Amino acid sequence: ADSVKGRFTISRDNAKNTLYLQMNSLKPEDTAVYYCAAG
């Protein structure tokens, strides 16, 4: 999303079946419930 470009990084480790979201330079407007989805 444009609102998180340059601040957040999504990655995955297929060997560990794990998804990650590194969030840096967090802002108050980032406050939310964060959901993981698979499809």
All heavy atoms as atom14 arrays in JSON, in Angstrom:
{
  "sequence": "ADSVKGRFTISRDNAKNTLYLQMNSLKPEDTAVYYCAAG",
  "atom14_mask": [
    [1, 1, 1, 1, 1, 0, 0, 0, 0, 0, 0, 0, 0, 0],
    [1, 1, 1, 1, 1, 1, 1, 1, 0, 0, 0, 0, 0, 0],
    [1, 1, 1, 1, 1, 1, 0, 0, 0, 0, 0, 0, 0, 0],
    [1, 1, 1, 1, 1, 1, 1, 0, 0, 0, 0, 0, 0, 0],
    [1, 1, 1, 1, 1, 1, 1, 1, 1, 0, 0, 0, 0, 0],
    [1, 1, 1, 1, 0, 0, 0, 0, 0, 0, 0, 0, 0, 0],
    [1, 1, 1, 1, 1, 1, 1, 1, 1, 1, 1, 0, 0, 0],
    [1, 1, 1, 1, 1, 1, 1, 1, 1, 1, 1, 0, 0, 0],
    [1, 1, 1, 1, 1, 1, 1, 0, 0, 0, 0, 0, 0, 0],
    [1, 1, 1, 1, 1, 1, 1, 1, 0, 0, 0, 0, 0, 0],
    [1, 1, 1, 1, 1, 1, 0, 0, 0, 0, 0, 0, 0, 0],
    [1, 1, 1, 1, 1, 1, 1, 1, 1, 1, 1, 0, 0, 0],
    [1, 1, 1, 1, 1, 1, 1, 1, 0, 0, 0, 0, 0, 0],
    [1, 1, 1, 1, 1, 1, 1, 1, 0, 0, 0, 0, 0, 0],
    [1, 1, 1, 1, 1, 0, 0, 0, 0, 0, 0, 0, 0, 0],
    [1, 1, 1, 1, 1, 1, 1, 1, 1, 0, 0, 0, 0, 0],
    [1, 1, 1, 1, 1, 1, 1, 1, 0, 0, 0, 0, 0, 0],
    [1, 1, 1, 1, 1, 1, 1, 0, 0, 0, 0, 0, 0, 0],
    [1, 1, 1, 1, 1, 1, 1, 1, 0, 0, 0, 0, 0, 0],
    [1, 1, 1, 1, 1, 1, 1, 1, 1, 1, 1, 1, 0, 0],
    [1, 1, 1, 1, 1, 1, 1, 1, 0, 0, 0, 0, 0, 0],
    [1, 1, 1, 1, 1, 1, 1, 1, 1, 0, 0, 0, 0, 0],
    [1, 1, 1, 1, 1, 1, 1, 1, 0, 0, 0, 0, 0, 0],
    [1, 1, 1, 1, 1, 1, 1, 1, 0, 0, 0, 0, 0, 0],
    [1, 1, 1, 1, 1, 1, 0, 0, 0, 0, 0, 0, 0, 0],
    [1, 1, 1, 1, 1, 1, 1, 1, 0, 0, 0, 0, 0, 0],
    [1, 1, 1, 1, 1, 1, 1, 1, 1, 0, 0, 0, 0, 0],
    [1, 1, 1, 1, 1, 1, 1, 0, 0, 0, 0, 0, 0, 0],
    [1, 1, 1, 1, 1, 1, 1, 1, 1, 0, 0, 0, 0, 0],
    [1, 1, 1, 1, 1, 1, 1, 1, 0, 0, 0, 0, 0, 0],
    [1, 1, 1, 1, 1, 1, 1, 0, 0, 0, 0, 0, 0, 0],
    [1, 1, 1, 1, 1, 0, 0, 0, 0, 0, 0, 0, 0, 0],
    [1, 1, 1, 1, 1, 1, 1, 0, 0, 0, 0, 0, 0, 0],
    [1, 1, 1, 1, 1, 1, 1, 1, 1, 1, 1, 1, 0, 0],
    [1, 1, 1, 1, 1, 1, 1, 1, 1, 1, 1, 1, 0, 0],
    [1, 1, 1, 1, 1, 1, 0, 0, 0, 0, 0, 0, 0, 0],
    [1, 1, 1, 1, 1, 0, 0, 0, 0, 0, 0, 0, 0, 0],
    [1, 1, 1, 1, 1, 0, 0, 0, 0, 0, 0, 0, 0, 0],
    [1, 1, 1, 1, 0, 0, 0, 0, 0, 0, 0, 0, 0, 0]
  ],
  "atom14_positions": [
    [[0.84, -1.18, 0.0], [0.0, 0.0, 0.0], [0.88, 1.24, 0.0], [1.97, 1.25, 0.59], [-0.91, 0.01, 1.22], [0.0, 0.0, 0.0], [0.0, 0.0, 0.0], [0.0, 0.0, 0.0], [0.0, 0.0, 0.0], [0.0, 0.0, 0.0], [0.0, 0.0, 0.0], [0.0, 0.0, 0.0], [0.0, 0.0, 0.0], [0.0, 0.0, 0.0]],
    [[0.42, 2.29, -0.66], [1.21, 3.52, -0.72], [1.54, 4.06, 0.67], [2.61, 4.63, 0.88], [0.46, 4.59, -1.52], [0.43, 4.29, -3.01], [1.25, 3.49, -3.48], [-0.44, 4.87, -3.69], [0.0, 0.0, 0.0], [0.0, 0.0, 0.0], [0.0, 0.0, 0.0], [0.0, 0.0, 0.0], [0.0, 0.0, 0.0], [0.0, 0.0, 0.0]],
    [[0.65, 3.86, 1.6], [0.83, 4.41, 2.94], [1.97, 3.77, 3.72], [2.43, 4.34, 4.71], [-0.47, 4.27, 3.74], [-0.86, 2.91, 3.85], [0.0, 0.0, 0.0], [0.0, 0.0, 0.0], [0.0, 0.0, 0.0], [0.0, 0.0, 0.0], [0.0, 0.0, 0.0], [0.0, 0.0, 0.0], [0.0, 0.0, 0.0], [0.0, 0.0, 0.0]],
    [[2.43, 2.6, 3.28], [3.48, 1.9, 4.02], [4.76, 1.71, 3.22], [5.75, 1.19, 3.76], [3.0, 0.53, 4.55], [1.72, 0.69, 5.35], [2.81, -0.45, 3.41], [0.0, 0.0, 0.0], [0.0, 0.0, 0.0], [0.0, 0.0, 0.0], [0.0, 0.0, 0.0], [0.0, 0.0, 0.0], [0.0, 0.0, 0.0], [0.0, 0.0, 0.0]],
    [[4.77, 2.12, 1.98], [5.96, 1.95, 1.14], [7.16, 2.64, 1.76], [7.08, 3.78, 2.21], [5.71, 2.51, -0.26], [4.84, 1.63, -1.13], [4.67, 2.24, -2.52], [3.82, 1.36, -3.41], [3.59, 1.96, -4.74], [0.0, 0.0, 0.0], [0.0, 0.0, 0.0], [0.0, 0.0, 0.0], [0.0, 0.0, 0.0], [0.0, 0.0, 0.0]],
    [[8.27, 1.94, 1.77], [9.49, 2.47, 2.34], [9.61, 2.28, 3.83], [10.69, 2.51, 4.39], [0.0, 0.0, 0.0], [0.0, 0.0, 0.0], [0.0, 0.0, 0.0], [0.0, 0.0, 0.0], [0.0, 0.0, 0.0], [0.0, 0.0, 0.0], [0.0, 0.0, 0.0], [0.0, 0.0, 0.0], [0.0, 0.0, 0.0], [0.0, 0.0, 0.0]],
    [[8.54, 1.85, 4.49], [8.56, 1.64, 5.93], [8.36, 0.19, 6.32], [8.95, -0.28, 7.29], [7.49, 2.49, 6.6], [7.65, 3.99, 6.38], [6.68, 4.79, 7.24], [5.28, 4.49, 6.91], [4.39, 4.0, 7.77], [4.75, 3.73, 9.02], [3.14, 3.78, 7.38], [0.0, 0.0, 0.0], [0.0, 0.0, 0.0], [0.0, 0.0, 0.0]],
    [[7.53, -0.52, 5.57], [7.2, -1.91, 5.88], [7.85, -2.84, 4.86], [8.0, -2.48, 3.68], [5.69, -2.14, 5.85], [4.92, -1.49, 6.95], [5.5, -0.56, 7.81], [3.58, -1.8, 7.13], [4.77, 0.05, 8.82], [2.84, -1.21, 8.14], [3.43, -0.28, 8.98], [0.0, 0.0, 0.0], [0.0, 0.0, 0.0], [0.0, 0.0, 0.0]],
    [[8.18, -4.03, 5.3], [8.72, -5.05, 4.42], [8.04, -6.38, 4.69], [8.05, -6.87, 5.82], [10.24, -5.22, 4.6], [10.9, -3.97, 4.37], [10.78, -6.25, 3.63], [0.0, 0.0, 0.0], [0.0, 0.0, 0.0], [0.0, 0.0, 0.0], [0.0, 0.0, 0.0], [0.0, 0.0, 0.0], [0.0, 0.0, 0.0], [0.0, 0.0, 0.0]],
    [[7.45, -6.95, 3.66], [6.84, -8.27, 3.77], [7.82, -9.31, 3.26], [8.54, -9.08, 2.29], [5.5, -8.34, 3.0], [4.77, -9.66, 3.3], [5.72, -8.16, 1.5], [3.35, -9.69, 2.73], [0.0, 0.0, 0.0], [0.0, 0.0, 0.0], [0.0, 0.0, 0.0], [0.0, 0.0, 0.0], [0.0, 0.0, 0.0], [0.0, 0.0, 0.0]],
    [[7.86, -10.44, 3.93], [8.73, -11.53, 3.51], [8.13, -12.85, 3.94], [7.19, -12.89, 4.72], [10.14, -11.36, 4.08], [10.12, -11.39, 5.5], [0.0, 0.0, 0.0], [0.0, 0.0, 0.0], [0.0, 0.0, 0.0], [0.0, 0.0, 0.0], [0.0, 0.0, 0.0], [0.0, 0.0, 0.0], [0.0, 0.0, 0.0], [0.0, 0.0, 0.0]],
    [[8.68, -13.92, 3.4], [8.19, -15.24, 3.77], [9.35, -16.22, 3.82], [10.33, -16.1, 3.09], [7.12, -15.73, 2.79], [7.61, -15.93, 1.36], [6.45, -16.06, 0.38], [5.65, -17.24, 0.63], [4.43, -17.45, 0.13], [3.86, -16.51, -0.63], [3.78, -18.57, 0.4], [0.0, 0.0, 0.0], [0.0, 0.0, 0.0], [0.0, 0.0, 0.0]],
    [[9.21, -17.19, 4.7], [10.15, -18.28, 4.81], [9.37, -19.55, 4.53], [8.68, -20.06, 5.41], [10.8, -18.31, 6.18], [11.92, -19.33, 6.29], [11.9, -20.32, 5.54], [12.83, -19.13, 7.12], [0.0, 0.0, 0.0], [0.0, 0.0, 0.0], [0.0, 0.0, 0.0], [0.0, 0.0, 0.0], [0.0, 0.0, 0.0], [0.0, 0.0, 0.0]],
    [[9.46, -20.03, 3.31], [8.67, -21.19, 2.94], [9.07, -22.44, 3.71], [8.23, -23.31, 3.97], [8.79, -21.44, 1.43], [8.08, -20.39, 0.61], [7.19, -19.68, 1.1], [8.47, -20.27, -0.66], [0.0, 0.0, 0.0], [0.0, 0.0, 0.0], [0.0, 0.0, 0.0], [0.0, 0.0, 0.0], [0.0, 0.0, 0.0], [0.0, 0.0, 0.0]],
    [[10.32, -22.55, 4.06], [10.77, -23.7, 4.82], [10.15, -23.74, 6.21], [9.95, -24.82, 6.78], [12.29, -23.71, 4.93], [0.0, 0.0, 0.0], [0.0, 0.0, 0.0], [0.0, 0.0, 0.0], [0.0, 0.0, 0.0], [0.0, 0.0, 0.0], [0.0, 0.0, 0.0], [0.0, 0.0, 0.0], [0.0, 0.0, 0.0], [0.0, 0.0, 0.0]],
    [[9.85, -22.58, 6.77], [9.26, -22.49, 8.09], [7.75, -22.25, 8.06], [7.13, -22.12, 9.11], [9.92, -21.38, 8.9], [11.39, -21.63, 9.19], [11.97, -20.5, 10.04], [13.42, -20.76, 10.39], [13.99, -19.67, 11.21], [0.0, 0.0, 0.0], [0.0, 0.0, 0.0], [0.0, 0.0, 0.0], [0.0, 0.0, 0.0], [0.0, 0.0, 0.0]],
    [[7.18, -22.16, 6.87], [5.75, -21.88, 6.72], [5.35, -20.62, 7.48], [4.31, -20.58, 8.16], [4.92, -23.07, 7.21], [5.0, -24.27, 6.28], [5.6, -24.21, 5.21], [4.4, -25.37, 6.7], [0.0, 0.0, 0.0], [0.0, 0.0, 0.0], [0.0, 0.0, 0.0], [0.0, 0.0, 0.0], [0.0, 0.0, 0.0], [0.0, 0.0, 0.0]],
    [[6.15, -19.59, 7.35], [5.94, -18.38, 8.13], [6.02, -17.14, 7.25], [6.9, -17.03, 6.4], [6.96, -18.28, 9.27], [6.86, -19.44, 10.1], [6.68, -17.05, 10.12], [0.0, 0.0, 0.0], [0.0, 0.0, 0.0], [0.0, 0.0, 0.0], [0.0, 0.0, 0.0], [0.0, 0.0, 0.0], [0.0, 0.0, 0.0], [0.0, 0.0, 0.0]],
    [[5.1, -16.24, 7.48], [5.04, -14.94, 6.83], [5.43, -13.87, 7.84], [5.08, -13.97, 9.01], [3.62, -14.69, 6.32], [3.33, -13.34, 5.67], [3.97, -13.26, 4.29], [1.82, -13.11, 5.59], [0.0, 0.0, 0.0], [0.0, 0.0, 0.0], [0.0, 0.0, 0.0], [0.0, 0.0, 0.0], [0.0, 0.0, 0.0], [0.0, 0.0, 0.0]],
    [[6.12, -12.83, 7.37], [6.57, -11.77, 8.25], [6.18, -10.41, 7.71], [6.01, -10.22, 6.5], [8.1, -11.8, 8.4], [8.65, -13.1, 8.89], [9.16, -14.04, 8.0], [8.67, -13.39, 10.25], [9.68, -15.24, 8.45], [9.18, -14.59, 10.71], [9.69, -15.51, 9.81], [10.21, -16.69, 10.27], [0.0, 0.0, 0.0], [0.0, 0.0, 0.0]],
    [[6.06, -9.47, 8.62], [5.89, -8.07, 8.26], [6.77, -7.25, 9.19], [6.46, -7.13, 10.38], [4.44, -7.63, 8.37], [4.17, -6.19, 7.93], [4.38, -6.04, 6.42], [2.75, -5.75, 8.3], [0.0, 0.0, 0.0], [0.0, 0.0, 0.0], [0.0, 0.0, 0.0], [0.0, 0.0, 0.0], [0.0, 0.0, 0.0], [0.0, 0.0, 0.0]],
    [[7.84, -6.72, 8.65], [8.7, -5.82, 9.4], [8.17, -4.41, 9.25], [8.05, -3.91, 8.14], [10.14, -5.9, 8.89], [11.11, -4.97, 9.61], [11.31, -5.35, 11.06], [11.51, -6.52, 11.37], [11.26, -4.36, 11.95], [0.0, 0.0, 0.0], [0.0, 0.0, 0.0], [0.0, 0.0, 0.0], [0.0, 0.0, 0.0], [0.0, 0.0, 0.0]],
    [[7.86, -3.78, 10.36], [7.27, -2.45, 10.35], [8.22, -1.48, 11.04], [8.49, -1.62, 12.24], [5.91, -2.46, 11.05], [4.92, -3.46, 10.46], [3.27, -3.33, 11.2], [3.65, -3.83, 12.89], [0.0, 0.0, 0.0], [0.0, 0.0, 0.0], [0.0, 0.0, 0.0], [0.0, 0.0, 0.0], [0.0, 0.0, 0.0], [0.0, 0.0, 0.0]],
    [[8.71, -0.53, 10.29], [9.6, 0.49, 10.81], [8.96, 1.86, 10.7], [8.0, 2.06, 9.96], [10.93, 0.48, 10.05], [11.68, -0.83, 10.17], [11.65, -1.49, 11.2], [12.38, -1.2, 9.09], [0.0, 0.0, 0.0], [0.0, 0.0, 0.0], [0.0, 0.0, 0.0], [0.0, 0.0, 0.0], [0.0, 0.0, 0.0], [0.0, 0.0, 0.0]],
    [[9.52, 2.81, 11.43], [9.03, 4.19, 11.39], [7.53, 4.25, 11.58], [6.81, 4.93, 10.85], [9.44, 4.85, 10.07], [10.84, 4.85, 9.91], [0.0, 0.0, 0.0], [0.0, 0.0, 0.0], [0.0, 0.0, 0.0], [0.0, 0.0, 0.0], [0.0, 0.0, 0.0], [0.0, 0.0, 0.0], [0.0, 0.0, 0.0], [0.0, 0.0, 0.0]],
    [[7.05, 3.56, 12.58], [5.61, 3.45, 12.79], [4.99, 4.79, 13.16], [5.59, 5.61, 13.85], [5.33, 2.42, 13.87], [5.45, 0.97, 13.4], [5.6, 0.03, 14.58], [4.23, 0.58, 12.56], [0.0, 0.0, 0.0], [0.0, 0.0, 0.0], [0.0, 0.0, 0.0], [0.0, 0.0, 0.0], [0.0, 0.0, 0.0], [0.0, 0.0, 0.0]],
    [[3.78, 4.97, 12.67], [3.01, 6.18, 12.88], [1.72, 5.86, 13.61], [1.23, 4.73, 13.52], [2.68, 6.84, 11.54], [3.89, 7.14, 10.66], [3.44, 7.67, 9.31], [4.62, 7.95, 8.41], [4.18, 8.45, 7.08], [0.0, 0.0, 0.0], [0.0, 0.0, 0.0], [0.0, 0.0, 0.0], [0.0, 0.0, 0.0], [0.0, 0.0, 0.0]],
    [[1.13, 6.82, 14.29], [-0.15, 6.56, 14.96], [-1.21, 6.02, 14.0], [-2.04, 5.2, 14.42], [-0.54, 7.93, 15.52], [0.78, 8.59, 15.77], [1.66, 8.15, 14.63], [0.0, 0.0, 0.0], [0.0, 0.0, 0.0], [0.0, 0.0, 0.0], [0.0, 0.0, 0.0], [0.0, 0.0, 0.0], [0.0, 0.0, 0.0], [0.0, 0.0, 0.0]],
    [[-1.2, 6.46, 12.76], [-2.19, 5.99, 11.8], [-1.99, 4.53, 11.39], [-2.83, 3.97, 10.68], [-2.22, 6.88, 10.55], [-0.85, 7.13, 9.94], [-0.26, 8.46, 10.37], [-0.3, 8.77, 11.57], [0.25, 9.19, 9.49], [0.0, 0.0, 0.0], [0.0, 0.0, 0.0], [0.0, 0.0, 0.0], [0.0, 0.0, 0.0], [0.0, 0.0, 0.0]],
    [[-0.9, 3.92, 11.81], [-0.71, 2.49, 11.6], [-1.46, 1.65, 12.62], [-1.5, 0.42, 12.5], [0.78, 2.13, 11.65], [1.57, 2.76, 10.53], [1.09, 2.76, 9.38], [2.7, 3.23, 10.79], [0.0, 0.0, 0.0], [0.0, 0.0, 0.0], [0.0, 0.0, 0.0], [0.0, 0.0, 0.0], [0.0, 0.0, 0.0], [0.0, 0.0, 0.0]],
    [[-2.02, 2.27, 13.63], [-2.75, 1.55, 14.66], [-3.93, 0.81, 14.05], [-4.78, 1.41, 13.39], [-3.24, 2.51, 15.74], [-2.12, 3.1, 16.41], [-4.11, 1.79, 16.77], [0.0, 0.0, 0.0], [0.0, 0.0, 0.0], [0.0, 0.0, 0.0], [0.0, 0.0, 0.0], [0.0, 0.0, 0.0], [0.0, 0.0, 0.0], [0.0, 0.0, 0.0]],
    [[-3.98, -0.49, 14.26], [-5.03, -1.32, 13.67], [-4.84, -2.75, 14.14], [-3.82, -3.1, 14.74], [-4.98, -1.26, 12.15], [0.0, 0.0, 0.0], [0.0, 0.0, 0.0], [0.0, 0.0, 0.0], [0.0, 0.0, 0.0], [0.0, 0.0, 0.0], [0.0, 0.0, 0.0], [0.0, 0.0, 0.0], [0.0, 0.0, 0.0], [0.0, 0.0, 0.0]],
    [[-5.83, -3.57, 13.84], [-5.66, -5.01, 13.96], [-5.1, -5.5, 12.63], [-5.66, -5.21, 11.57], [-6.98, -5.72, 14.28], [-6.78, -7.23, 14.32], [-7.54, -5.24, 15.61], [0.0, 0.0, 0.0], [0.0, 0.0, 0.0], [0.0, 0.0, 0.0], [0.0, 0.0, 0.0], [0.0, 0.0, 0.0], [0.0, 0.0, 0.0], [0.0, 0.0, 0.0]],
    [[-4.02, -6.23, 12.7], [-3.36, -6.73, 11.5], [-3.69, -8.2, 11.3], [-3.55, -9.01, 12.22], [-1.85, -6.53, 11.6], [-1.43, -5.1, 11.37], [-1.72, -4.12, 12.3], [-0.76, -4.73, 10.2], [-1.37, -2.8, 12.08], [-0.39, -3.42, 9.98], [-0.7, -2.45, 10.92], [-0.34, -1.14, 10.7], [0.0, 0.0, 0.0], [0.0, 0.0, 0.0]],
    [[-4.11, -8.53, 10.09], [-4.52, -9.88, 9.76], [-3.63, -10.5, 8.69], [-3.26, -9.84, 7.72], [-5.96, -9.89, 9.23], [-6.99, -9.42, 10.22], [-7.39, -8.09, 10.27], [-7.58, -10.32, 11.1], [-8.34, -7.67, 11.17], [-8.53, -9.91, 12.0], [-8.92, -8.57, 12.04], [-9.86, -8.15, 12.93], [0.0, 0.0, 0.0], [0.0, 0.0, 0.0]],
    [[-3.35, -11.75, 8.87], [-2.65, -12.55, 7.88], [-3.67, -13.29, 7.04], [-4.68, -13.77, 7.55], [-1.74, -13.54, 8.61], [-0.94, -14.77, 7.57], [0.0, 0.0, 0.0], [0.0, 0.0, 0.0], [0.0, 0.0, 0.0], [0.0, 0.0, 0.0], [0.0, 0.0, 0.0], [0.0, 0.0, 0.0], [0.0, 0.0, 0.0], [0.0, 0.0, 0.0]],
    [[-3.41, -13.38, 5.73], [-4.31, -14.07, 4.83], [-3.54, -14.94, 3.85], [-2.42, -14.6, 3.45], [-5.17, -13.06, 4.05], [0.0, 0.0, 0.0], [0.0, 0.0, 0.0], [0.0, 0.0, 0.0], [0.0, 0.0, 0.0], [0.0, 0.0, 0.0], [0.0, 0.0, 0.0], [0.0, 0.0, 0.0], [0.0, 0.0, 0.0], [0.0, 0.0, 0.0]],
    [[-4.15, -16.05, 3.47], [-3.55, -16.97, 2.51], [-4.57, -17.32, 1.43], [-5.75, -17.51, 1.72], [-3.1, -18.25, 3.22], [0.0, 0.0, 0.0], [0.0, 0.0, 0.0], [0.0, 0.0, 0.0], [0.0, 0.0, 0.0], [0.0, 0.0, 0.0], [0.0, 0.0, 0.0], [0.0, 0.0, 0.0], [0.0, 0.0, 0.0], [0.0, 0.0, 0.0]],
    [[-4.1, -17.4, 0.2], [-5.0, -17.71, -0.89], [-4.29, -18.3, -2.1], [-3.06, -18.39, -2.14], [0.0, 0.0, 0.0], [0.0, 0.0, 0.0], [0.0, 0.0, 0.0], [0.0, 0.0, 0.0], [0.0, 0.0, 0.0], [0.0, 0.0, 0.0], [0.0, 0.0, 0.0], [0.0, 0.0, 0.0], [0.0, 0.0, 0.0], [0.0, 0.0, 0.0]]
  ]
}
